[in-house]
Protein backbone atom coordinates (compact mmCIF):
# COMPACT_ATOMS: atom_id res chain seq x y z
CA MET A 1 1.16 -17.62 -14.42
CA ILE A 2 0.96 -14.15 -13.67
CA THR A 3 0.11 -11.67 -16.01
CA ARG A 4 2.04 -7.93 -15.84
CA LEU A 5 0.62 -5.69 -17.62
CA THR A 6 1.89 -2.97 -20.23
CA ASP A 7 1.43 0.56 -18.91
CA GLU A 8 -0.75 1.07 -22.61
CA GLU A 9 -3.18 -1.76 -21.82
CA PHE A 10 -3.05 -0.60 -17.46
CA TYR A 11 -4.28 3.02 -19.17
CA SER A 12 -6.80 1.31 -21.19
CA ILE A 13 -9.01 -1.61 -18.97
CA TYR A 14 -8.14 0.93 -16.04
CA SER A 15 -9.81 3.86 -17.34
CA LYS A 16 -12.85 0.92 -17.62
CA VAL A 17 -13.11 -0.49 -15.01
CA PRO A 18 -12.19 -1.32 -11.02
CA ARG A 19 -8.08 -1.87 -10.25
CA ALA A 20 -7.79 -4.37 -7.82
CA VAL A 21 -5.13 -3.95 -4.74
CA VAL A 22 -3.74 -4.60 -1.66
CA ASP A 23 -2.27 -3.05 1.08
CA VAL A 24 -0.43 -3.72 3.97
CA ILE A 25 -0.69 -3.58 7.50
CA ILE A 26 2.71 -4.52 8.44
CA LYS A 27 2.98 -4.53 12.55
CA SER A 28 6.18 -4.72 14.97
CA ASP A 29 6.40 -3.84 18.32
CA GLU A 30 7.64 -0.51 16.90
CA GLY A 31 5.06 0.53 15.45
CA ILE A 32 3.52 -0.29 11.84
CA LEU A 33 5.63 0.49 8.64
CA LEU A 34 4.56 3.23 5.90
CA SER A 35 6.89 4.47 2.44
CA LEU A 36 7.28 7.78 1.39
CA ARG A 37 6.27 7.62 -1.64
CA ALA A 38 8.54 9.65 -4.52
CA ILE A 39 6.40 8.97 -7.13
CA GLU A 40 2.43 9.62 -9.01
CA PRO A 41 -0.09 9.83 -7.30
CA SER A 42 0.32 10.90 -3.65
CA LYS A 43 4.04 11.39 -4.17
CA ASP A 44 5.88 13.34 -1.10
CA LEU A 45 3.18 11.32 1.33
CA TRP A 46 2.82 8.52 3.05
CA HIS A 47 0.70 5.53 2.75
CA LEU A 48 1.17 1.77 3.52
CA PRO A 49 2.72 -0.87 0.99
CA GLY A 50 0.42 -2.27 -1.63
CA GLY A 51 -0.13 -2.96 -5.36
CA THR A 52 -1.89 -3.93 -8.19
CA VAL A 53 -2.98 -8.14 -7.62
CA TYR A 54 -1.50 -9.49 -11.02
CA LYS A 55 -3.96 -12.18 -12.96
CA GLY A 56 -3.32 -15.39 -11.29
CA GLU A 57 -2.30 -14.68 -8.19
CA THR A 58 -3.39 -15.91 -4.70
CA LEU A 59 -4.01 -12.28 -2.36
CA THR A 60 -0.97 -13.91 0.23
CA ASP A 61 1.09 -14.29 -2.48
CA ALA A 62 0.55 -10.30 -4.03
CA VAL A 63 0.94 -9.10 -0.63
CA ARG A 64 4.38 -11.72 -0.06
CA ARG A 65 5.67 -9.84 -3.37
CA VAL A 66 4.85 -6.55 -2.86
CA VAL A 67 5.64 -6.33 0.73
CA LYS A 68 9.06 -7.65 -0.54
CA LYS A 69 9.29 -5.05 -3.78
CA GLU A 70 8.99 -2.06 -2.20
CA THR A 71 10.45 -2.87 1.99
CA ASN A 72 12.86 -5.75 1.23
CA LEU A 73 10.90 -7.67 4.93
CA GLU A 74 9.92 -11.53 5.47
CA VAL A 75 6.19 -10.99 7.08
CA GLY A 76 3.55 -13.65 7.82
CA THR A 77 0.48 -15.18 7.33
CA PRO A 78 -2.00 -12.48 5.93
CA ILE A 79 -5.13 -11.26 7.75
CA CYS A 80 -7.94 -9.06 6.01
CA LEU A 81 -9.32 -6.95 7.79
CA GLY A 82 -11.00 -4.80 5.47
CA TYR A 83 -11.08 -2.62 1.70
CA MET A 84 -10.17 1.37 0.98
CA GLU A 85 -12.20 2.48 -2.20
CA PHE A 86 -10.18 5.57 -4.22
CA LEU A 87 -13.08 6.54 -6.06
CA ASP A 88 -10.99 9.05 -8.53
CA GLU A 89 -7.59 8.05 -8.24
CA VAL A 90 -5.75 10.46 -11.16
CA ARG A 91 -2.81 8.03 -12.73
CA SER A 92 -0.82 9.82 -16.25
CA GLY A 93 -4.96 12.55 -15.69
CA ILE A 94 -6.90 9.33 -16.37
CA SER A 95 -8.85 8.99 -13.60
CA ILE A 96 -8.28 4.94 -12.01
CA HIS A 97 -11.44 3.58 -9.75
CA THR A 98 -9.12 1.80 -6.88
CA VAL A 99 -10.39 -1.15 -4.61
CA SER A 100 -7.95 -2.14 -2.44
CA ILE A 101 -8.16 -4.89 -0.01
CA VAL A 102 -5.66 -4.17 3.16
CA MET A 103 -4.63 -7.03 4.69
CA LYS A 104 -2.91 -7.19 7.88
CA VAL A 105 0.87 -8.68 8.42
CA ALA A 106 3.55 -9.48 11.08
CA PHE A 107 6.89 -8.80 10.89
CA CYS A 108 8.97 -11.27 10.05
CA GLY A 109 12.50 -9.89 10.35
CA GLY A 110 14.53 -9.00 7.35
CA GLU A 111 16.36 -5.41 6.76
CA PHE A 112 13.98 -2.62 5.40
CA GLN A 113 14.76 -0.71 2.64
CA HIS A 114 13.36 0.93 -0.37
CA ASP A 115 12.02 0.40 -3.65
CA PRO A 116 12.59 3.14 -5.73
CA ASP A 117 9.38 4.66 -5.68
CA ALA A 118 9.76 6.15 -2.10
CA TYR A 119 12.17 8.32 -0.16
CA GLU A 120 11.69 6.36 3.32
CA LEU A 121 10.01 3.97 5.42
CA ARG A 122 8.96 4.53 8.98
CA TRP A 123 7.68 3.07 11.84
CA TRP A 124 5.43 5.29 13.39
CA LYS A 125 3.23 4.48 16.41
CA GLU A 126 1.59 8.27 15.42
CA GLN A 127 0.30 9.88 12.72
CA PRO A 128 2.39 11.76 10.70
CA SER A 129 0.99 14.62 9.47
CA ASN A 130 1.81 14.29 5.19
CA ILE A 131 -0.62 10.96 4.90
CA ILE A 132 -2.79 9.92 2.15
CA LYS A 133 -6.28 10.57 3.68
CA GLU A 134 -7.99 7.01 2.92
CA HIS A 135 -4.86 5.45 4.41
CA ALA A 136 -5.13 7.98 7.69
CA ASP A 137 -9.09 6.74 8.03
CA PHE A 138 -8.83 3.06 7.92
CA LEU A 139 -5.55 2.93 10.34
CA HIS A 140 -7.65 4.91 13.05
CA LYS A 141 -10.99 2.93 12.06
CA HIS A 142 -8.82 -0.02 13.10
CA HIS A 143 -7.25 1.69 16.16
CA PHE A 144 -3.69 1.52 14.34
CA LEU A 145 -2.44 4.91 14.70
CA GLN A 146 -2.93 7.50 17.11
CA TYR A 147 -3.80 11.28 17.17
CA VAL A 148 -1.43 14.12 14.37
CA ILE A 149 1.68 15.25 14.60
CA SER A 150 3.86 17.85 13.29
CA GLU A 151 7.19 15.62 12.64
C-alpha cells in the first residue's frame, strides 16, 4: 500500500532524515523535457520532472506516477543514471536533505500537459539560463544539454 504524508508529517520526518525522490530525464528527438516551476522551492526555474518516492512504491512505479502527474506522458522503462543531492533545500522555512535518483526514460506517447505546480513544459536541446544548478550540472555531466543560451 502506498502511503502519502500530510504536510505536518512531511516536515516532521524530513527535517530529521533525508528524503528520497526520483528526477526523470524524458528523452525524445526534440531534446529533453523540462518544466518551469510555479511553486517553491526553485520557483521560476526550469527543472526535471520529479517527486517523492512513496513507501511501498517501486522506483519504476514512482517514475511513471510522477511523469503522468507532471507531464501527462507515457514513458518507457526507466534506466538509472545516478543521483543528485540537495543538502539544504528549504521548504516552508525548513531545511531538508533530498537525495534524488535520476532515471532516464524514452518518450512513448501522449500529449504533454503541465500540472498546476508548473507554468510550462518545453523540450530543450540547449540549457535554459534559469535552471536548477544541480540539474544543469547533472545534465551537462551526462551530455544531455549543450551550452547555456539566453531565452
